[in-house]
């Protein structure tokens, strides 16, 4: 196990991430354990059934991955991933009312031309 303190993590996060690929990294905060970093490949977590899909779904829902990248992470086709998130009640497109209205106005203008 490799130990780093919070300030070391702030100063050089890439070193801790590289280390987490090989071994567990314990992050200490004021001489107390604060977090444990474990590389997903080290645990072979992404090879476990359903993990890729669940991770991709959560990252897409939180806005951290695009639809296409989430589908790729889940090892699904784009259409398959859209179907998957739709079944879970997660919107494929999230727009404000103003954005939808603006898009509809643009569409109306385009259709009229």
PDB file of N, CA and C in Angstrom:
ATOM      1  N   UNK A   1       0.848  -1.176   0.000  1.00  0.00           N
ATOM      2  CA  UNK A   1       0.000   0.000   0.000  1.00  0.00           C
ATOM      3  C   UNK A   1       0.887   1.231   0.000  1.00  0.00           C
ATOM      4  N   UNK A   2       0.463   2.211  -0.769  1.00  0.00           N
ATOM      5  CA  UNK A   2       1.181   3.473  -0.873  1.00  0.00           C
ATOM      6  C   UNK A   2       0.380   4.524  -0.111  1.00  0.00           C
ATOM      7  N   UNK A   3       1.082   5.377   0.617  1.00  0.00           N
ATOM      8  CA  UNK A   3       0.418   6.407   1.407  1.00  0.00           C
ATOM      9  C   UNK A   3       0.827   7.784   0.897  1.00  0.00           C
ATOM     10  N   UNK A   4      -0.155   8.658   0.721  1.00  0.00           N
ATOM     11  CA  UNK A   4       0.107  10.054   0.366  1.00  0.00           C
ATOM     12  C   UNK A   4      -0.723  10.932   1.289  1.00  0.00           C
ATOM     13  N   UNK A   5      -0.253  12.155   1.501  1.00  0.00           N
ATOM     14  CA  UNK A   5      -1.073  13.075   2.284  1.00  0.00           C
ATOM     15  C   UNK A   5      -1.865  13.968   1.337  1.00  0.00           C
ATOM     16  N   UNK A   6      -2.829  14.671   1.865  1.00  0.00           N
ATOM     17  CA  UNK A   6      -3.721  15.484   1.044  1.00  0.00           C
ATOM     18  C   UNK A   6      -2.937  16.527   0.258  1.00  0.00           C
ATOM     19  N   UNK A   7      -1.973  17.178   0.889  1.00  0.00           N
ATOM     20  CA  UNK A   7      -1.214  18.207   0.167  1.00  0.00           C
ATOM     21  C   UNK A   7      -0.397  17.588  -0.961  1.00  0.00           C
ATOM     22  N   UNK A   8       0.153  16.389  -0.744  1.00  0.00           N
ATOM     23  CA  UNK A   8       0.871  15.694  -1.810  1.00  0.00           C
ATOM     24  C   UNK A   8      -0.051  15.328  -2.958  1.00  0.00           C
ATOM     25  N   UNK A   9      -1.274  14.963  -2.617  1.00  0.00           N
ATOM     26  CA  UNK A   9      -2.266  14.630  -3.641  1.00  0.00           C
ATOM     27  C   UNK A   9      -2.642  15.874  -4.445  1.00  0.00           C
ATOM     28  N   UNK A  10      -2.785  17.012  -3.759  1.00  0.00           N
ATOM     29  CA  UNK A  10      -3.118  18.263  -4.455  1.00  0.00           C
ATOM     30  C   UNK A  10      -1.984  18.697  -5.377  1.00  0.00           C
ATOM     31  N   UNK A  11      -0.735  18.528  -4.913  1.00  0.00           N
ATOM     32  CA  UNK A  11       0.423  18.974  -5.686  1.00  0.00           C
ATOM     33  C   UNK A  11       0.709  18.082  -6.887  1.00  0.00           C
ATOM     34  N   UNK A  12       0.451  16.776  -6.763  1.00  0.00           N
ATOM     35  CA  UNK A  12       0.784  15.861  -7.848  1.00  0.00           C
ATOM     36  C   UNK A  12      -0.240  14.730  -7.927  1.00  0.00           C
ATOM     37  N   UNK A  13      -1.466  15.032  -8.357  1.00  0.00           N
ATOM     38  CA  UNK A  13      -2.495  13.989  -8.407  1.00  0.00           C
ATOM     39  C   UNK A  13      -2.182  12.879  -9.403  1.00  0.00           C
ATOM     40  N   UNK A  14      -1.458  13.202 -10.477  1.00  0.00           N
ATOM     41  CA  UNK A  14      -1.175  12.174 -11.483  1.00  0.00           C
ATOM     42  C   UNK A  14      -0.294  11.066 -10.917  1.00  0.00           C
ATOM     43  N   UNK A  15       0.594  11.396  -9.993  1.00  0.00           N
ATOM     44  CA  UNK A  15       1.438  10.367  -9.378  1.00  0.00           C
ATOM     45  C   UNK A  15       0.590   9.392  -8.566  1.00  0.00           C
ATOM     46  N   UNK A  16      -0.369   9.911  -7.820  1.00  0.00           N
ATOM     47  CA  UNK A  16      -1.255   9.041  -7.037  1.00  0.00           C
ATOM     48  C   UNK A  16      -2.105   8.167  -7.954  1.00  0.00           C
ATOM     49  N   UNK A  17      -2.577   8.727  -9.057  1.00  0.00           N
ATOM     50  CA  UNK A  17      -3.375   7.941 -10.000  1.00  0.00           C
ATOM     51  C   UNK A  17      -2.546   6.838 -10.646  1.00  0.00           C
ATOM     52  N   UNK A  18      -1.310   7.156 -11.023  1.00  0.00           N
ATOM     53  CA  UNK A  18      -0.422   6.116 -11.578  1.00  0.00           C
ATOM     54  C   UNK A  18      -0.172   5.029 -10.547  1.00  0.00           C
ATOM     55  N   UNK A  19       0.045   5.425  -9.314  1.00  0.00           N
ATOM     56  CA  UNK A  19       0.294   4.455  -8.247  1.00  0.00           C
ATOM     57  C   UNK A  19      -0.920   3.576  -8.001  1.00  0.00           C
ATOM     58  N   UNK A  20      -2.117   4.145  -8.118  1.00  0.00           N
ATOM     59  CA  UNK A  20      -3.348   3.388  -7.875  1.00  0.00           C
ATOM     60  C   UNK A  20      -3.557   2.299  -8.920  1.00  0.00           C
ATOM     61  N   UNK A  21      -2.915   2.429 -10.074  1.00  0.00           N
ATOM     62  CA  UNK A  21      -3.011   1.378 -11.090  1.00  0.00           C
ATOM     63  C   UNK A  21      -2.250   0.132 -10.660  1.00  0.00           C
ATOM     64  N   UNK A  22      -1.258   0.313  -9.794  1.00  0.00           N
ATOM     65  CA  UNK A  22      -0.407  -0.797  -9.364  1.00  0.00           C
ATOM     66  C   UNK A  22      -0.746  -1.316  -7.971  1.00  0.00           C
ATOM     67  N   UNK A  23      -1.158  -0.412  -7.085  1.00  0.00           N
ATOM     68  CA  UNK A  23      -1.371  -0.773  -5.685  1.00  0.00           C
ATOM     69  C   UNK A  23      -2.417   0.175  -5.091  1.00  0.00           C
ATOM     70  N   UNK A  24      -2.916  -0.164  -3.926  1.00  0.00           N
ATOM     71  CA  UNK A  24      -3.851   0.726  -3.245  1.00  0.00           C
ATOM     72  C   UNK A  24      -3.108   1.967  -2.755  1.00  0.00           C
ATOM     73  N   UNK A  25      -3.777   3.111  -2.820  1.00  0.00           N
ATOM     74  CA  UNK A  25      -3.191   4.366  -2.350  1.00  0.00           C
ATOM     75  C   UNK A  25      -4.078   4.903  -1.234  1.00  0.00           C
ATOM     76  N   UNK A  26      -3.503   5.022  -0.049  1.00  0.00           N
ATOM     77  CA  UNK A  26      -4.219   5.555   1.103  1.00  0.00           C
ATOM     78  C   UNK A  26      -3.909   7.041   1.217  1.00  0.00           C
ATOM     79  N   UNK A  27      -4.950   7.859   1.247  1.00  0.00           N
ATOM     80  CA  UNK A  27      -4.786   9.310   1.371  1.00  0.00           C
ATOM     81  C   UNK A  27      -4.998   9.681   2.831  1.00  0.00           C
ATOM     82  N   UNK A  28      -3.985  10.316   3.407  1.00  0.00           N
ATOM     83  CA  UNK A  28      -4.027  10.715   4.810  1.00  0.00           C
ATOM     84  C   UNK A  28      -4.336  12.209   4.907  1.00  0.00           C
ATOM     85  N   UNK A  29      -5.151  12.563   5.893  1.00  0.00           N
ATOM     86  CA  UNK A  29      -5.492  13.955   6.158  1.00  0.00           C
ATOM     87  C   UNK A  29      -5.279  14.196   7.644  1.00  0.00           C
ATOM     88  N   UNK A  30      -4.260  15.001   7.971  1.00  0.00           N
ATOM     89  CA  UNK A  30      -3.906  15.291   9.370  1.00  0.00           C
ATOM     90  C   UNK A  30      -3.694  14.001  10.167  1.00  0.00           C
ATOM     91  N   UNK A  31      -2.887  13.128   9.620  1.00  0.00           N
ATOM     92  CA  UNK A  31      -2.502  11.861  10.257  1.00  0.00           C
ATOM     93  C   UNK A  31      -3.667  10.899  10.460  1.00  0.00           C
ATOM     94  N   UNK A  32      -4.751  11.103   9.727  1.00  0.00           N
ATOM     95  CA  UNK A  32      -5.898  10.196   9.777  1.00  0.00           C
ATOM     96  C   UNK A  32      -6.191   9.697   8.368  1.00  0.00           C
ATOM     97  N   UNK A  33      -6.510   8.418   8.211  1.00  0.00           N
ATOM     98  CA  UNK A  33      -6.902   7.925   6.880  1.00  0.00           C
ATOM     99  C   UNK A  33      -8.161   8.653   6.416  1.00  0.00           C
ATOM    100  N   UNK A  34      -8.135   9.134   5.172  1.00  0.00           N
ATOM    101  CA  UNK A  34      -9.257   9.919   4.659  1.00  0.00           C
ATOM    102  C   UNK A  34      -9.913   9.267   3.446  1.00  0.00           C
ATOM    103  N   UNK A  35      -9.112   8.652   2.594  1.00  0.00           N
ATOM    104  CA  UNK A  35      -9.662   8.033   1.381  1.00  0.00           C
ATOM    105  C   UNK A  35      -8.739   6.913   0.926  1.00  0.00           C
ATOM    106  N   UNK A  36      -9.311   6.005   0.179  1.00  0.00           N
ATOM    107  CA  UNK A  36      -8.548   4.895  -0.379  1.00  0.00           C
ATOM    108  C   UNK A  36      -8.782   4.872  -1.878  1.00  0.00           C
ATOM    109  N   UNK A  37      -7.706   4.932  -2.639  1.00  0.00           N
ATOM    110  CA  UNK A  37      -7.806   4.893  -4.100  1.00  0.00           C
ATOM    111  C   UNK A  37      -7.379   3.514  -4.580  1.00  0.00           C
ATOM    112  N   UNK A  38      -8.232   2.906  -5.386  1.00  0.00           N
ATOM    113  CA  UNK A  38      -7.932   1.595  -5.958  1.00  0.00           C
ATOM    114  C   UNK A  38      -8.227   1.679  -7.447  1.00  0.00           C
ATOM    115  N   UNK A  39      -7.262   1.348  -8.272  1.00  0.00           N
ATOM    116  CA  UNK A  39      -7.467   1.371  -9.717  1.00  0.00           C
ATOM    117  C   UNK A  39      -8.512   0.351 -10.133  1.00  0.00           C
ATOM    118  N   UNK A  40      -9.424   0.749 -11.002  1.00  0.00           N
ATOM    119  CA  UNK A  40     -10.485  -0.173 -11.422  1.00  0.00           C
ATOM    120  C   UNK A  40      -9.916  -1.369 -12.175  1.00  0.00           C
ATOM    121  N   UNK A  41      -8.830  -1.183 -12.892  1.00  0.00           N
ATOM    122  CA  UNK A  41      -8.227  -2.312 -13.596  1.00  0.00           C
ATOM    123  C   UNK A  41      -7.521  -3.259 -12.635  1.00  0.00           C
ATOM    124  N   UNK A  42      -7.015  -2.730 -11.531  1.00  0.00           N
ATOM    125  CA  UNK A  42      -6.352  -3.559 -10.527  1.00  0.00           C
ATOM    126  C   UNK A  42      -7.330  -4.572  -9.947  1.00  0.00           C
ATOM    127  N   UNK A  43      -8.556  -4.142  -9.727  1.00  0.00           N
ATOM    128  CA  UNK A  43      -9.585  -5.028  -9.172  1.00  0.00           C
ATOM    129  C   UNK A  43     -10.321  -5.805 -10.255  1.00  0.00           C
ATOM    130  N   UNK A  44     -10.038  -5.470 -11.511  1.00  0.00           N
ATOM    131  CA  UNK A  44     -10.779  -6.049 -12.633  1.00  0.00           C
ATOM    132  C   UNK A  44     -12.277  -5.760 -12.491  1.00  0.00           C
ATOM    133  N   UNK A  45     -12.578  -4.613 -11.896  1.00  0.00           N
ATOM    134  CA  UNK A  45     -13.967  -4.232 -11.625  1.00  0.00           C
ATOM    135  C   UNK A  45     -14.775  -4.055 -12.903  1.00  0.00           C
ATOM    136  N   UNK A  46     -14.132  -3.520 -13.949  1.00  0.00           N
ATOM    137  CA  UNK A  46     -14.873  -3.283 -15.179  1.00  0.00           C
ATOM    138  C   UNK A  46     -15.231  -4.573 -15.905  1.00  0.00           C
ATOM    139  N   UNK A  47     -14.596  -5.679 -15.512  1.00  0.00           N
ATOM    140  CA  UNK A  47     -14.905  -6.972 -16.133  1.00  0.00           C
ATOM    141  C   UNK A  47     -16.067  -7.674 -15.453  1.00  0.00           C
ATOM    142  N   UNK A  48     -16.500  -7.168 -14.318  1.00  0.00           N
ATOM    143  CA  UNK A  48     -17.606  -7.793 -13.594  1.00  0.00           C
ATOM    144  C   UNK A  48     -18.921  -7.480 -14.308  1.00  0.00           C
ATOM    145  N   UNK A  49     -19.855  -8.428 -14.342  1.00  0.00           N
ATOM    146  CA  UNK A  49     -21.115  -8.215 -15.062  1.00  0.00           C
ATOM    147  C   UNK A  49     -21.879  -6.985 -14.566  1.00  0.00           C
ATOM    148  N   UNK A  50     -22.286  -6.157 -15.506  1.00  0.00           N
ATOM    149  CA  UNK A  50     -23.120  -5.004 -15.194  1.00  0.00           C
ATOM    150  C   UNK A  50     -22.383  -3.764 -14.730  1.00  0.00           C
ATOM    151  N   UNK A  51     -21.104  -3.878 -14.404  1.00  0.00           N
ATOM    152  CA  UNK A  51     -20.377  -2.730 -13.852  1.00  0.00           C
ATOM    153  C   UNK A  51     -20.193  -1.639 -14.899  1.00  0.00           C
ATOM    154  N   UNK A  52     -19.783  -2.008 -16.100  1.00  0.00           N
ATOM    155  CA  UNK A  52     -19.582  -1.009 -17.156  1.00  0.00           C
ATOM    156  C   UNK A  52     -20.889  -0.259 -17.451  1.00  0.00           C
ATOM    157  N   UNK A  53     -21.976  -1.001 -17.546  1.00  0.00           N
ATOM    158  CA  UNK A  53     -23.267  -0.382 -17.850  1.00  0.00           C
ATOM    159  C   UNK A  53     -23.702   0.542 -16.719  1.00  0.00           C
ATOM    160  N   UNK A  54     -23.554   0.087 -15.481  1.00  0.00           N
ATOM    161  CA  UNK A  54     -23.948   0.911 -14.332  1.00  0.00           C
ATOM    162  C   UNK A  54     -23.089   2.171 -14.236  1.00  0.00           C
ATOM    163  N   UNK A  55     -21.795   2.020 -14.451  1.00  0.00           N
ATOM    164  CA  UNK A  55     -20.891   3.164 -14.388  1.00  0.00           C
ATOM    165  C   UNK A  55     -21.205   4.159 -15.505  1.00  0.00           C
ATOM    166  N   UNK A  56     -21.390   3.661 -16.709  1.00  0.00           N
ATOM    167  CA  UNK A  56     -21.711   4.536 -17.839  1.00  0.00           C
ATOM    168  C   UNK A  56     -23.030   5.262 -17.614  1.00  0.00           C
ATOM    169  N   UNK A  57     -24.007   4.556 -17.073  1.00  0.00           N
ATOM    170  CA  UNK A  57     -25.315   5.158 -16.806  1.00  0.00           C
ATOM    171  C   UNK A  57     -25.192   6.286 -15.786  1.00  0.00           C
ATOM    172  N   UNK A  58     -24.480   6.031 -14.702  1.00  0.00           N
ATOM    173  CA  UNK A  58     -24.310   7.052 -13.661  1.00  0.00           C
ATOM    174  C   UNK A  58     -23.538   8.259 -14.186  1.00  0.00           C
ATOM    175  N   UNK A  59     -22.477   8.012 -14.951  1.00  0.00           N
ATOM    176  CA  UNK A  59     -21.682   9.121 -15.482  1.00  0.00           C
ATOM    177  C   UNK A  59     -22.473   9.945 -16.496  1.00  0.00           C
ATOM    178  N   UNK A  60     -23.296   9.285 -17.308  1.00  0.00           N
ATOM    179  CA  UNK A  60     -24.140  10.028 -18.256  1.00  0.00           C
ATOM    180  C   UNK A  60     -25.196  10.835 -17.507  1.00  0.00           C
ATOM    181  N   UNK A  61     -25.849  10.212 -16.550  1.00  0.00           N
ATOM    182  CA  UNK A  61     -26.914  10.881 -15.792  1.00  0.00           C
ATOM    183  C   UNK A  61     -26.389  12.132 -15.087  1.00  0.00           C
ATOM    184  N   UNK A  62     -25.153  12.053 -14.573  1.00  0.00           N
ATOM    185  CA  UNK A  62     -24.557  13.190 -13.866  1.00  0.00           C
ATOM    186  C   UNK A  62     -23.956  14.229 -14.810  1.00  0.00           C
ATOM    187  N   UNK A  63     -23.968  13.930 -16.118  1.00  0.00           N
ATOM    188  CA  UNK A  63     -23.431  14.876 -17.090  1.00  0.00           C
ATOM    189  C   UNK A  63     -21.931  14.809 -17.263  1.00  0.00           C
ATOM    190  N   UNK A  64     -21.305  13.748 -16.766  1.00  0.00           N
ATOM    191  CA  UNK A  64     -19.854  13.620 -16.864  1.00  0.00           C
ATOM    192  C   UNK A  64     -19.396  12.938 -18.148  1.00  0.00           C
ATOM    193  N   UNK A  65     -20.303  12.232 -18.826  1.00  0.00           N
ATOM    194  CA  UNK A  65     -19.990  11.592 -20.105  1.00  0.00           C
ATOM    195  C   UNK A  65     -21.081  11.926 -21.109  1.00  0.00           C
ATOM    196  N   UNK A  66     -20.675  12.088 -22.353  1.00  0.00           N
ATOM    197  CA  UNK A  66     -21.658  12.285 -23.417  1.00  0.00           C
ATOM    198  C   UNK A  66     -22.388  10.972 -23.661  1.00  0.00           C
ATOM    199  N   UNK A  67     -23.460  11.054 -24.406  1.00  0.00           N
ATOM    200  CA  UNK A  67     -24.243   9.865 -24.734  1.00  0.00           C
ATOM    201  C   UNK A  67     -23.391   8.840 -25.483  1.00  0.00           C
ATOM    202  N   UNK A  68     -22.646   9.294 -26.481  1.00  0.00           N
ATOM    203  CA  UNK A  68     -21.822   8.382 -27.282  1.00  0.00           C
ATOM    204  C   UNK A  68     -20.717   7.741 -26.447  1.00  0.00           C
ATOM    205  N   UNK A  69     -20.059   8.521 -25.606  1.00  0.00           N
ATOM    206  CA  UNK A  69     -18.975   7.966 -24.777  1.00  0.00           C
ATOM    207  C   UNK A  69     -19.512   7.011 -23.722  1.00  0.00           C
ATOM    208  N   UNK A  70     -20.682   7.311 -23.193  1.00  0.00           N
ATOM    209  CA  UNK A  70     -21.294   6.415 -22.211  1.00  0.00           C
ATOM    210  C   UNK A  70     -21.661   5.088 -22.864  1.00  0.00           C
ATOM    211  N   UNK A  71     -22.205   5.146 -24.076  1.00  0.00           N
ATOM    212  CA  UNK A  71     -22.539   3.914 -24.799  1.00  0.00           C
ATOM    213  C   UNK A  71     -21.285   3.092 -25.049  1.00  0.00           C
ATOM    214  N   UNK A  72     -20.199   3.760 -25.413  1.00  0.00           N
ATOM    215  CA  UNK A  72     -18.930   3.063 -25.661  1.00  0.00           C
ATOM    216  C   UNK A  72     -18.417   2.415 -24.378  1.00  0.00           C
ATOM    217  N   UNK A  73     -18.451   3.152 -23.263  1.00  0.00           N
ATOM    218  CA  UNK A  73     -18.008   2.597 -21.986  1.00  0.00           C
ATOM    219  C   UNK A  73     -18.841   1.384 -21.601  1.00  0.00           C
ATOM    220  N   UNK A  74     -20.129   1.443 -21.875  1.00  0.00           N
ATOM    221  CA  UNK A  74     -21.037   0.342 -21.537  1.00  0.00           C
ATOM    222  C   UNK A  74     -20.921  -0.824 -22.518  1.00  0.00           C
ATOM    223  N   UNK A  75     -20.107  -0.646 -23.559  1.00  0.00           N
ATOM    224  CA  UNK A  75     -19.963  -1.662 -24.620  1.00  0.00           C
ATOM    225  C   UNK A  75     -21.313  -1.952 -25.274  1.00  0.00           C
ATOM    226  N   UNK A  76     -22.072  -0.882 -25.509  1.00  0.00           N
ATOM    227  CA  UNK A  76     -23.388  -1.002 -26.135  1.00  0.00           C
ATOM    228  C   UNK A  76     -23.418  -0.139 -27.387  1.00  0.00           C
ATOM    229  N   UNK A  77     -24.338  -0.467 -28.281  1.00  0.00           N
ATOM    230  CA  UNK A  77     -24.568   0.431 -29.407  1.00  0.00           C
ATOM    231  C   UNK A  77     -25.229   1.693 -28.870  1.00  0.00           C
ATOM    232  N   UNK A  78     -25.169   2.746 -29.649  1.00  0.00           N
ATOM    233  CA  UNK A  78     -25.804   3.994 -29.228  1.00  0.00           C
ATOM    234  C   UNK A  78     -27.306   3.787 -29.041  1.00  0.00           C
ATOM    235  N   UNK A  79     -27.925   3.099 -29.990  1.00  0.00           N
ATOM    236  CA  UNK A  79     -29.367   2.836 -29.889  1.00  0.00           C
ATOM    237  C   UNK A  79     -29.684   1.984 -28.664  1.00  0.00           C
ATOM    238  N   UNK A  80     -28.845   1.001 -28.395  1.00  0.00           N
ATOM    239  CA  UNK A  80     -29.059   0.144 -27.227  1.00  0.00           C
ATOM    240  C   UNK A  80     -28.935   0.907 -25.920  1.00  0.00           C
ATOM    241  N   UNK A  81     -27.964   1.826 -25.860  1.00  0.00           N
ATOM    242  CA  UNK A  81     -27.785   2.618 -24.640  1.00  0.00           C
ATOM    243  C   UNK A  81     -28.938   3.598 -24.458  1.00  0.00           C
ATOM    244  N   UNK A  82     -29.410   4.186 -25.556  1.00  0.00           N
ATOM    245  CA  UNK A  82     -30.568   5.087 -25.478  1.00  0.00           C
ATOM    246  C   UNK A  82     -31.777   4.333 -24.938  1.00  0.00           C
ATOM    247  N   UNK A  83     -31.989   3.128 -25.435  1.00  0.00           N
ATOM    248  CA  UNK A  83     -33.099   2.302 -24.946  1.00  0.00           C
ATOM    249  C   UNK A  83     -32.929   2.005 -23.461  1.00  0.00           C
ATOM    250  N   UNK A  84     -31.704   1.666 -23.068  1.00  0.00           N
ATOM    251  CA  UNK A  84     -31.401   1.338 -21.668  1.00  0.00           C
ATOM    252  C   UNK A  84     -31.729   2.507 -20.737  1.00  0.00           C
ATOM    253  N   UNK A  85     -31.215   3.706 -21.055  1.00  0.00           N
ATOM    254  CA  UNK A  85     -31.451   4.833 -20.144  1.00  0.00           C
ATOM    255  C   UNK A  85     -32.902   5.291 -20.181  1.00  0.00           C
ATOM    256  N   UNK A  86     -33.542   5.138 -21.332  1.00  0.00           N
ATOM    257  CA  UNK A  86     -34.963   5.505 -21.428  1.00  0.00           C
ATOM    258  C   UNK A  86     -35.809   4.624 -20.521  1.00  0.00           C
ATOM    259  N   UNK A  87     -35.476   3.347 -20.462  1.00  0.00           N
ATOM    260  CA  UNK A  87     -36.204   2.428 -19.576  1.00  0.00           C
ATOM    261  C   UNK A  87     -36.030   2.804 -18.109  1.00  0.00           C
ATOM    262  N   UNK A  88     -34.901   3.437 -17.804  1.00  0.00           N
ATOM    263  CA  UNK A  88     -34.636   3.859 -16.428  1.00  0.00           C
ATOM    264  C   UNK A  88     -35.228   5.236 -16.122  1.00  0.00           C
ATOM    265  N   UNK A  89     -35.842   5.852 -17.121  1.00  0.00           N
ATOM    266  CA  UNK A  89     -36.434   7.174 -16.922  1.00  0.00           C
ATOM    267  C   UNK A  89     -35.430   8.306 -16.962  1.00  0.00           C
ATOM    268  N   UNK A  90     -34.255   8.050 -17.517  1.00  0.00           N
ATOM    269  CA  UNK A  90     -33.226   9.085 -17.631  1.00  0.00           C
ATOM    270  C   UNK A  90     -33.398   9.760 -18.990  1.00  0.00           C
ATOM    271  N   UNK A  91     -33.573  11.078 -19.010  1.00  0.00           N
ATOM    272  CA  UNK A  91     -33.768  11.753 -20.295  1.00  0.00           C
ATOM    273  C   UNK A  91     -32.521  11.667 -21.172  1.00  0.00           C
ATOM    274  N   UNK A  92     -32.748  11.412 -22.455  1.00  0.00           N
ATOM    275  CA  UNK A  92     -31.649  11.340 -23.412  1.00  0.00           C
ATOM    276  C   UNK A  92     -31.108  12.738 -23.678  1.00  0.00           C
ATOM    277  N   UNK A  93     -31.997  13.702 -23.740  1.00  0.00           N
ATOM    278  CA  UNK A  93     -31.624  15.097 -23.970  1.00  0.00           C
ATOM    279  C   UNK A  93     -32.191  15.924 -22.825  1.00  0.00           C
ATOM    280  N   UNK A  94     -31.358  16.748 -22.245  1.00  0.00           N
ATOM    281  CA  UNK A  94     -31.867  17.623 -21.184  1.00  0.00           C
ATOM    282  C   UNK A  94     -31.686  19.068 -21.631  1.00  0.00           C
ATOM    283  N   UNK A  95     -32.802  19.733 -21.826  1.00  0.00           N
ATOM    284  CA  UNK A  95     -32.800  21.127 -22.233  1.00  0.00           C
ATOM    285  C   UNK A  95     -33.780  21.900 -21.365  1.00  0.00           C
ATOM    286  N   UNK A  96     -33.484  23.172 -21.201  1.00  0.00           N
ATOM    287  CA  UNK A  96     -34.418  24.037 -20.481  1.00  0.00           C
ATOM    288  C   UNK A  96     -35.595  24.354 -21.403  1.00  0.00           C
ATOM    289  N   UNK A  97     -36.659  24.875 -20.823  1.00  0.00           N
ATOM    290  CA  UNK A  97     -37.829  25.272 -21.615  1.00  0.00           C
ATOM    291  C   UNK A  97     -37.450  26.308 -22.671  1.00  0.00           C
ATOM    292  N   UNK A  98     -36.569  27.229 -22.301  1.00  0.00           N
ATOM    293  CA  UNK A  98     -36.140  28.273 -23.229  1.00  0.00           C
ATOM    294  C   UNK A  98     -35.375  27.675 -24.406  1.00  0.00           C
ATOM    295  N   UNK A  99     -34.514  26.696 -24.130  1.00  0.00           N
ATOM    296  CA  UNK A  99     -33.750  26.059 -25.201  1.00  0.00           C
ATOM    297  C   UNK A  99     -34.667  25.300 -26.156  1.00  0.00           C
ATOM    298  N   UNK A 100     -35.659  24.612 -25.608  1.00  0.00           N
ATOM    299  CA  UNK A 100     -36.615  23.883 -26.446  1.00  0.00           C
ATOM    300  C   UNK A 100     -37.391  24.863 -27.316  1.00  0.00           C
ATOM    301  N   UNK A 101     -37.846  25.965 -26.720  1.00  0.00           N
ATOM    302  CA  UNK A 101     -38.602  26.968 -27.478  1.00  0.00           C
ATOM    303  C   UNK A 101     -37.744  27.575 -28.584  1.00  0.00           C
ATOM    304  N   UNK A 102     -36.488  27.867 -28.274  1.00  0.00           N
ATOM    305  CA  UNK A 102     -35.577  28.417 -29.277  1.00  0.00           C
ATOM    306  C   UNK A 102     -35.361  27.418 -30.410  1.00  0.00           C
ATOM    307  N   UNK A 103     -35.180  26.151 -30.069  1.00  0.00           N
ATOM    308  CA  UNK A 103     -35.009  25.120 -31.094  1.00  0.00           C
ATOM    309  C   UNK A 103     -36.251  24.998 -31.970  1.00  0.00           C
ATOM    310  N   UNK A 104     -37.415  25.081 -31.359  1.00  0.00           N
ATOM    311  CA  UNK A 104     -38.663  24.992 -32.122  1.00  0.00           C
ATOM    312  C   UNK A 104     -38.821  26.199 -33.052  1.00  0.00           C
ATOM    313  N   UNK A 105     -38.447  27.392 -32.583  1.00  0.00           N
ATOM    314  CA  UNK A 105     -38.493  28.591 -33.428  1.00  0.00           C
ATOM    315  C   UNK A 105     -37.550  28.440 -34.620  1.00  0.00           C
ATOM    316  N   UNK A 106     -36.360  27.939 -34.356  1.00  0.00           N
ATOM    317  CA  UNK A 106     -35.387  27.715 -35.428  1.00  0.00           C
ATOM    318  C   UNK A 106     -35.915  26.705 -36.434  1.00  0.00           C
ATOM    319  N   UNK A 107     -36.531  25.645 -35.942  1.00  0.00           N
ATOM    320  CA  UNK A 107     -37.110  24.631 -36.827  1.00  0.00           C
ATOM    321  C   UNK A 107     -38.229  25.229 -37.674  1.00  0.00           C
ATOM    322  N   UNK A 108     -39.097  26.024 -37.051  1.00  0.00           N
ATOM    323  CA  UNK A 108     -40.183  26.675 -37.792  1.00  0.00           C
ATOM    324  C   UNK A 108     -39.631  27.578 -38.897  1.00  0.00           C
ATOM    325  N   UNK A 109     -38.585  28.345 -38.581  1.00  0.00           N
ATOM    326  CA  UNK A 109     -37.964  29.224 -39.578  1.00  0.00           C
ATOM    327  C   UNK A 109     -37.370  28.407 -40.717  1.00  0.00           C
ATOM    328  N   UNK A 110     -36.726  27.326 -40.376  1.00  0.00           N
ATOM    329  CA  UNK A 110     -36.096  26.477 -41.390  1.00  0.00           C
ATOM    330  C   UNK A 110     -37.152  25.838 -42.293  1.00  0.00           C
ATOM    331  N   UNK A 111     -38.238  25.363 -41.692  1.00  0.00           N
ATOM    332  CA  UNK A 111     -39.299  24.732 -42.479  1.00  0.00           C
ATOM    333  C   UNK A 111     -40.020  25.742 -43.375  1.00  0.00           C
ATOM    334  N   UNK A 112     -40.102  26.997 -42.928  1.00  0.00           N
ATOM    335  CA  UNK A 112     -40.780  28.036 -43.700  1.00  0.00           C
ATOM    336  C   UNK A 112     -39.946  28.507 -44.893  1.00  0.00           C
ATOM    337  N   UNK A 113     -38.654  28.282 -44.850  1.00  0.00           N
ATOM    338  CA  UNK A 113     -37.792  28.780 -45.944  1.00  0.00           C
ATOM    339  C   UNK A 113     -37.742  27.844 -47.124  1.00  0.00           C
TER     340      UNK A 113
END
